[in-house]
PDB file of all heavy atoms in Angstrom:
ATOM      1  N   ALA A   1       0.845  -1.182   0.006  1.00  0.00           N
ATOM      2  CA  ALA A   1       0.006  -0.008   0.021  1.00  0.00           C
ATOM      3  C   ALA A   1       0.895   1.234   0.011  1.00  0.00           C
ATOM      4  O   ALA A   1       1.968   1.258   0.600  1.00  0.00           O
ATOM      5  CB  ALA A   1      -0.904  -0.018   1.226  1.00  0.00           C
ATOM      6  N   ASP A   2       0.426   2.290  -0.688  1.00  0.00           N
ATOM      7  CA  ASP A   2       1.187   3.516  -0.751  1.00  0.00           C
ATOM      8  C   ASP A   2       1.531   4.051   0.644  1.00  0.00           C
ATOM      9  O   ASP A   2       2.631   4.604   0.860  1.00  0.00           O
ATOM     10  CB  ASP A   2       0.459   4.590  -1.557  1.00  0.00           C
ATOM     11  CG  ASP A   2       0.423   4.278  -3.023  1.00  0.00           C
ATOM     12  OD1 ASP A   2       1.237   3.461  -3.484  1.00  0.00           O
ATOM     13  OD2 ASP A   2      -0.414   4.895  -3.704  1.00  0.00           O
ATOM     14  N   SER A   3       0.657   3.872   1.570  1.00  0.00           N
ATOM     15  CA  SER A   3       0.833   4.423   2.924  1.00  0.00           C
ATOM     16  C   SER A   3       1.955   3.756   3.710  1.00  0.00           C
ATOM     17  O   SER A   3       2.389   4.320   4.708  1.00  0.00           O
ATOM     18  CB  SER A   3      -0.487   4.351   3.704  1.00  0.00           C
ATOM     19  OG  SER A   3      -0.914   2.983   3.826  1.00  0.00           O
ATOM     20  N   VAL A   4       2.410   2.576   3.278  1.00  0.00           N
ATOM     21  CA  VAL A   4       3.419   1.877   4.039  1.00  0.00           C
ATOM     22  C   VAL A   4       4.718   1.688   3.265  1.00  0.00           C
ATOM     23  O   VAL A   4       5.683   1.163   3.833  1.00  0.00           O
ATOM     24  CB  VAL A   4       2.913   0.512   4.547  1.00  0.00           C
ATOM     25  CG1 VAL A   4       1.607   0.663   5.318  1.00  0.00           C
ATOM     26  CG2 VAL A   4       2.739  -0.463   3.396  1.00  0.00           C
ATOM     27  N   LYS A   5       4.763   2.100   2.019  1.00  0.00           N
ATOM     28  CA  LYS A   5       5.981   1.937   1.224  1.00  0.00           C
ATOM     29  C   LYS A   5       7.141   2.622   1.868  1.00  0.00           C
ATOM     30  O   LYS A   5       7.047   3.768   2.303  1.00  0.00           O
ATOM     31  CB  LYS A   5       5.729   2.447  -0.192  1.00  0.00           C
ATOM     32  CG  LYS A   5       4.855   1.591  -1.063  1.00  0.00           C
ATOM     33  CD  LYS A   5       4.720   2.159  -2.453  1.00  0.00           C
ATOM     34  CE  LYS A   5       3.853   1.253  -3.313  1.00  0.00           C
ATOM     35  NZ  LYS A   5       3.649   1.837  -4.675  1.00  0.00           N
ATOM     36  N   GLY A   6       8.259   1.937   1.928  1.00  0.00           N
ATOM     37  CA  GLY A   6       9.445   2.485   2.558  1.00  0.00           C
ATOM     38  C   GLY A   6       9.506   2.271   4.051  1.00  0.00           C
ATOM     39  O   GLY A   6      10.562   2.462   4.639  1.00  0.00           O
ATOM     40  N   ARG A   7       8.442   1.845   4.647  1.00  0.00           N
ATOM     41  CA  ARG A   7       8.399   1.571   6.108  1.00  0.00           C
ATOM     42  C   ARG A   7       8.208   0.126   6.430  1.00  0.00           C
ATOM     43  O   ARG A   7       8.730  -0.379   7.461  1.00  0.00           O
ATOM     44  CB  ARG A   7       7.309   2.410   6.756  1.00  0.00           C
ATOM     45  CG  ARG A   7       7.469   3.903   6.559  1.00  0.00           C
ATOM     46  CD  ARG A   7       6.480   4.681   7.422  1.00  0.00           C
ATOM     47  NE  ARG A   7       5.077   4.397   7.017  1.00  0.00           N
ATOM     48  CZ  ARG A   7       4.166   3.883   7.818  1.00  0.00           C
ATOM     49  NH1 ARG A   7       4.470   3.536   9.080  1.00  0.00           N
ATOM     50  NH2 ARG A   7       2.939   3.677   7.377  1.00  0.00           N
ATOM     51  N   PHE A   8       7.418  -0.570   5.627  1.00  0.00           N
ATOM     52  CA  PHE A   8       7.086  -1.984   5.910  1.00  0.00           C
ATOM     53  C   PHE A   8       7.779  -2.848   4.856  1.00  0.00           C
ATOM     54  O   PHE A   8       7.980  -2.488   3.705  1.00  0.00           O
ATOM     55  CB  PHE A   8       5.561  -2.236   5.777  1.00  0.00           C
ATOM     56  CG  PHE A   8       4.748  -1.604   6.874  1.00  0.00           C
ATOM     57  CD1 PHE A   8       5.265  -0.700   7.770  1.00  0.00           C
ATOM     58  CD2 PHE A   8       3.379  -1.987   6.980  1.00  0.00           C
ATOM     59  CE1 PHE A   8       4.468  -0.139   8.759  1.00  0.00           C
ATOM     60  CE2 PHE A   8       2.618  -1.425   7.966  1.00  0.00           C
ATOM     61  CZ  PHE A   8       3.140  -0.481   8.874  1.00  0.00           C
ATOM     62  N   THR A   9       8.132  -4.057   5.306  1.00  0.00           N
ATOM     63  CA  THR A   9       8.738  -5.063   4.426  1.00  0.00           C
ATOM     64  C   THR A   9       8.126  -6.395   4.651  1.00  0.00           C
ATOM     65  O   THR A   9       8.063  -6.866   5.792  1.00  0.00           O
ATOM     66  CB  THR A   9      10.269  -5.152   4.656  1.00  0.00           C
ATOM     67  OG1 THR A   9      10.890  -3.888   4.467  1.00  0.00           O
ATOM     68  CG2 THR A   9      10.890  -6.139   3.665  1.00  0.00           C
ATOM     69  N   ILE A  10       7.633  -7.001   3.582  1.00  0.00           N
ATOM     70  CA  ILE A  10       7.086  -8.343   3.696  1.00  0.00           C
ATOM     71  C   ILE A  10       8.105  -9.359   3.239  1.00  0.00           C
ATOM     72  O   ILE A  10       8.872  -9.133   2.288  1.00  0.00           O
ATOM     73  CB  ILE A  10       5.801  -8.474   2.890  1.00  0.00           C
ATOM     74  CG1 ILE A  10       5.060  -9.806   3.158  1.00  0.00           C
ATOM     75  CG2 ILE A  10       6.000  -8.289   1.400  1.00  0.00           C
ATOM     76  CD1 ILE A  10       3.663  -9.874   2.630  1.00  0.00           C
ATOM     77  N   SER A  11       8.167 -10.487   3.894  1.00  0.00           N
ATOM     78  CA  SER A  11       9.064 -11.569   3.545  1.00  0.00           C
ATOM     79  C   SER A  11       8.420 -12.912   3.855  1.00  0.00           C
ATOM     80  O   SER A  11       7.421 -12.954   4.547  1.00  0.00           O
ATOM     81  CB  SER A  11      10.425 -11.387   4.217  1.00  0.00           C
ATOM     82  OG  SER A  11      10.242 -11.465   5.630  1.00  0.00           O
ATOM     83  N   ARG A  12       9.058 -13.947   3.391  1.00  0.00           N
ATOM     84  CA  ARG A  12       8.517 -15.274   3.679  1.00  0.00           C
ATOM     85  C   ARG A  12       9.636 -16.293   3.866  1.00  0.00           C
ATOM     86  O   ARG A  12      10.727 -16.112   3.412  1.00  0.00           O
ATOM     87  CB  ARG A  12       7.594 -15.745   2.534  1.00  0.00           C
ATOM     88  CG  ARG A  12       8.312 -16.073   1.229  1.00  0.00           C
ATOM     89  CD  ARG A  12       7.330 -16.576   0.167  1.00  0.00           C
ATOM     90  NE  ARG A  12       8.034 -17.142  -0.948  1.00  0.00           N
ATOM     91  CZ  ARG A  12       8.422 -16.464  -2.037  1.00  0.00           C
ATOM     92  NH1 ARG A  12       8.092 -15.187  -2.138  1.00  0.00           N
ATOM     93  NH2 ARG A  12       9.037 -17.056  -3.037  1.00  0.00           N
ATOM     94  N   ASP A  13       9.261 -17.351   4.566  1.00  0.00           N
ATOM     95  CA  ASP A  13      10.163 -18.501   4.746  1.00  0.00           C
ATOM     96  C   ASP A  13       9.380 -19.677   4.249  1.00  0.00           C
ATOM     97  O   ASP A  13       8.503 -20.235   4.925  1.00  0.00           O
ATOM     98  CB  ASP A  13      10.522 -18.671   6.236  1.00  0.00           C
ATOM     99  CG  ASP A  13      11.516 -19.806   6.436  1.00  0.00           C
ATOM    100  OD1 ASP A  13      11.564 -20.736   5.609  1.00  0.00           O
ATOM    101  OD2 ASP A  13      12.268 -19.741   7.446  1.00  0.00           O
ATOM    102  N   ASN A  14       9.686 -20.092   3.032  1.00  0.00           N
ATOM    103  CA  ASN A  14       8.908 -21.152   2.384  1.00  0.00           C
ATOM    104  C   ASN A  14       9.014 -22.492   3.138  1.00  0.00           C
ATOM    105  O   ASN A  14       8.060 -23.251   3.198  1.00  0.00           O
ATOM    106  CB  ASN A  14       9.387 -21.349   0.950  1.00  0.00           C
ATOM    107  CG  ASN A  14       8.986 -20.209   0.044  1.00  0.00           C
ATOM    108  OD1 ASN A  14       7.993 -19.519   0.305  1.00  0.00           O
ATOM    109  ND2 ASN A  14       9.725 -20.006  -1.039  1.00  0.00           N
ATOM    110  N   ALA A  15      10.190 -22.748   3.702  1.00  0.00           N
ATOM    111  CA  ALA A  15      10.378 -24.013   4.436  1.00  0.00           C
ATOM    112  C   ALA A  15       9.472 -24.097   5.666  1.00  0.00           C
ATOM    113  O   ALA A  15       9.046 -25.192   6.051  1.00  0.00           O
ATOM    114  CB  ALA A  15      11.849 -24.173   4.862  1.00  0.00           C
ATOM    115  N   LYS A  16       9.169 -22.973   6.254  1.00  0.00           N
ATOM    116  CA  LYS A  16       8.335 -22.941   7.461  1.00  0.00           C
ATOM    117  C   LYS A  16       6.904 -22.508   7.151  1.00  0.00           C
ATOM    118  O   LYS A  16       6.086 -22.418   8.082  1.00  0.00           O
ATOM    119  CB  LYS A  16       8.920 -21.997   8.482  1.00  0.00           C
ATOM    120  CG  LYS A  16      10.299 -22.401   8.995  1.00  0.00           C
ATOM    121  CD  LYS A  16      10.803 -21.416  10.036  1.00  0.00           C
ATOM    122  CE  LYS A  16      12.140 -21.828  10.591  1.00  0.00           C
ATOM    123  NZ  LYS A  16      12.659 -20.869  11.602  1.00  0.00           N
ATOM    124  N   ASN A  17       6.593 -22.276   5.889  1.00  0.00           N
ATOM    125  CA  ASN A  17       5.261 -21.795   5.514  1.00  0.00           C
ATOM    126  C   ASN A  17       4.860 -20.584   6.336  1.00  0.00           C
ATOM    127  O   ASN A  17       3.740 -20.514   6.867  1.00  0.00           O
ATOM    128  CB  ASN A  17       4.239 -22.886   5.633  1.00  0.00           C
ATOM    129  CG  ASN A  17       4.407 -23.999   4.588  1.00  0.00           C
ATOM    130  OD1 ASN A  17       4.764 -23.718   3.443  1.00  0.00           O
ATOM    131  ND2 ASN A  17       4.131 -25.234   4.963  1.00  0.00           N
ATOM    132  N   THR A  18       5.762 -19.661   6.444  1.00  0.00           N
ATOM    133  CA  THR A  18       5.583 -18.484   7.312  1.00  0.00           C
ATOM    134  C   THR A  18       5.844 -17.208   6.519  1.00  0.00           C
ATOM    135  O   THR A  18       6.768 -17.159   5.748  1.00  0.00           O
ATOM    136  CB  THR A  18       6.513 -18.536   8.542  1.00  0.00           C
ATOM    137  OG1 THR A  18       6.223 -19.746   9.297  1.00  0.00           O
ATOM    138  CG2 THR A  18       6.313 -17.352   9.443  1.00  0.00           C
ATOM    139  N   VAL A  19       4.977 -16.247   6.771  1.00  0.00           N
ATOM    140  CA  VAL A  19       5.145 -14.942   6.177  1.00  0.00           C
ATOM    141  C   VAL A  19       5.322 -13.893   7.307  1.00  0.00           C
ATOM    142  O   VAL A  19       4.710 -14.032   8.361  1.00  0.00           O
ATOM    143  CB  VAL A  19       3.965 -14.587   5.248  1.00  0.00           C
ATOM    144  CG1 VAL A  19       2.676 -14.450   6.020  1.00  0.00           C
ATOM    145  CG2 VAL A  19       4.254 -13.282   4.475  1.00  0.00           C
ATOM    146  N   TYR A  20       6.126 -12.889   7.040  1.00  0.00           N
ATOM    147  CA  TYR A  20       6.457 -11.896   8.033  1.00  0.00           C
ATOM    148  C   TYR A  20       6.132 -10.529   7.494  1.00  0.00           C
ATOM    149  O   TYR A  20       6.146 -10.267   6.293  1.00  0.00           O
ATOM    150  CB  TYR A  20       7.911 -11.928   8.428  1.00  0.00           C
ATOM    151  CG  TYR A  20       8.416 -13.291   8.856  1.00  0.00           C
ATOM    152  CD1 TYR A  20       9.009 -14.168   7.946  1.00  0.00           C
ATOM    153  CD2 TYR A  20       8.333 -13.660  10.209  1.00  0.00           C
ATOM    154  CE1 TYR A  20       9.453 -15.392   8.375  1.00  0.00           C
ATOM    155  CE2 TYR A  20       8.759 -14.903  10.620  1.00  0.00           C
ATOM    156  CZ  TYR A  20       9.352 -15.758   9.688  1.00  0.00           C
ATOM    157  OH  TYR A  20       9.811 -17.000  10.098  1.00  0.00           O
ATOM    158  N   LEU A  21       5.843  -9.610   8.413  1.00  0.00           N
ATOM    159  CA  LEU A  21       5.716  -8.205   8.069  1.00  0.00           C
ATOM    160  C   LEU A  21       6.536  -7.386   9.061  1.00  0.00           C
ATOM    161  O   LEU A  21       6.156  -7.301  10.238  1.00  0.00           O
ATOM    162  CB  LEU A  21       4.267  -7.775   8.113  1.00  0.00           C
ATOM    163  CG  LEU A  21       4.002  -6.335   7.623  1.00  0.00           C
ATOM    164  CD1 LEU A  21       4.294  -6.210   6.131  1.00  0.00           C
ATOM    165  CD2 LEU A  21       2.558  -5.902   7.913  1.00  0.00           C
ATOM    166  N   GLN A  22       7.621  -6.860   8.583  1.00  0.00           N
ATOM    167  CA  GLN A  22       8.466  -5.959   9.402  1.00  0.00           C
ATOM    168  C   GLN A  22       7.927  -4.565   9.260  1.00  0.00           C
ATOM    169  O   GLN A  22       7.864  -4.019   8.121  1.00  0.00           O
ATOM    170  CB  GLN A  22       9.926  -6.013   8.955  1.00  0.00           C
ATOM    171  CG  GLN A  22      10.836  -5.107   9.742  1.00  0.00           C
ATOM    172  CD  GLN A  22      10.995  -5.506  11.171  1.00  0.00           C
ATOM    173  OE1 GLN A  22      11.191  -6.692  11.470  1.00  0.00           O
ATOM    174  NE2 GLN A  22      10.880  -4.559  12.096  1.00  0.00           N
ATOM    175  N   MET A  23       7.540  -3.949  10.354  1.00  0.00           N
ATOM    176  CA  MET A  23       6.941  -2.624  10.350  1.00  0.00           C
ATOM    177  C   MET A  23       7.819  -1.683  11.108  1.00  0.00           C
ATOM    178  O   MET A  23       8.038  -1.819  12.310  1.00  0.00           O
ATOM    179  CB  MET A  23       5.541  -2.685  10.979  1.00  0.00           C
ATOM    180  CG  MET A  23       4.594  -3.668  10.325  1.00  0.00           C
ATOM    181  SD  MET A  23       2.927  -3.620  10.965  1.00  0.00           S
ATOM    182  CE  MET A  23       3.220  -4.139  12.654  1.00  0.00           C
ATOM    183  N   ASN A  24       8.375  -0.697  10.390  1.00  0.00           N
ATOM    184  CA  ASN A  24       9.229   0.297  10.992  1.00  0.00           C
ATOM    185  C   ASN A  24       8.589   1.680  10.892  1.00  0.00           C
ATOM    186  O   ASN A  24       7.668   1.902  10.109  1.00  0.00           O
ATOM    187  CB  ASN A  24      10.615   0.309  10.265  1.00  0.00           C
ATOM    188  CG  ASN A  24      11.363  -0.986  10.383  1.00  0.00           C
ATOM    189  OD1 ASN A  24      11.283  -1.666  11.418  1.00  0.00           O
ATOM    190  ND2 ASN A  24      12.106  -1.329   9.333  1.00  0.00           N
ATOM    191  N   SER A  25       9.143   2.567  11.649  1.00  0.00           N
ATOM    192  CA  SER A  25       8.618   3.975  11.651  1.00  0.00           C
ATOM    193  C   SER A  25       7.115   4.025  11.778  1.00  0.00           C
ATOM    194  O   SER A  25       6.437   4.728  11.043  1.00  0.00           O
ATOM    195  CB  SER A  25       9.092   4.684  10.363  1.00  0.00           C
ATOM    196  OG  SER A  25      10.482   4.692  10.277  1.00  0.00           O
ATOM    197  N   LEU A  26       6.612   3.283  12.741  1.00  0.00           N
ATOM    198  CA  LEU A  26       5.167   3.168  12.888  1.00  0.00           C
ATOM    199  C   LEU A  26       4.519   4.513  13.256  1.00  0.00           C
ATOM    200  O   LEU A  26       5.082   5.293  13.987  1.00  0.00           O
ATOM    201  CB  LEU A  26       4.841   2.121  13.907  1.00  0.00           C
ATOM    202  CG  LEU A  26       4.968   0.671  13.410  1.00  0.00           C
ATOM    203  CD1 LEU A  26       5.114  -0.294  14.581  1.00  0.00           C
ATOM    204  CD2 LEU A  26       3.809   0.302  12.530  1.00  0.00           C
ATOM    205  N   LYS A  27       3.347   4.685  12.722  1.00  0.00           N
ATOM    206  CA  LYS A  27       2.548   5.881  12.926  1.00  0.00           C
ATOM    207  C   LYS A  27       1.204   5.522  13.598  1.00  0.00           C
ATOM    208  O   LYS A  27       0.768   4.414  13.455  1.00  0.00           O
ATOM    209  CB  LYS A  27       2.247   6.577  11.601  1.00  0.00           C
ATOM    210  CG  LYS A  27       3.453   6.915  10.775  1.00  0.00           C
ATOM    211  CD  LYS A  27       3.051   7.489   9.414  1.00  0.00           C
ATOM    212  CE  LYS A  27       4.256   7.873   8.560  1.00  0.00           C
ATOM    213  NZ  LYS A  27       3.833   8.405   7.251  1.00  0.00           N
ATOM    214  N   PRO A  28       0.597   6.465  14.276  1.00  0.00           N
ATOM    215  CA  PRO A  28      -0.696   6.168  14.847  1.00  0.00           C
ATOM    216  C   PRO A  28      -1.716   5.702  13.833  1.00  0.00           C
ATOM    217  O   PRO A  28      -2.606   4.901  14.153  1.00  0.00           O
ATOM    218  CB  PRO A  28      -1.141   7.527  15.461  1.00  0.00           C
ATOM    219  CG  PRO A  28       0.163   8.173  15.819  1.00  0.00           C
ATOM    220  CD  PRO A  28       1.121   7.789  14.705  1.00  0.00           C
TER     221      PRO A  28
END
């Protein structure tokens, strides 16, 4: 989403069937 570009990063671990969302510079 435009509102999170540059702040959030999505990644995955296929071996663990897990997806992550790293959220930085969080805003209210």
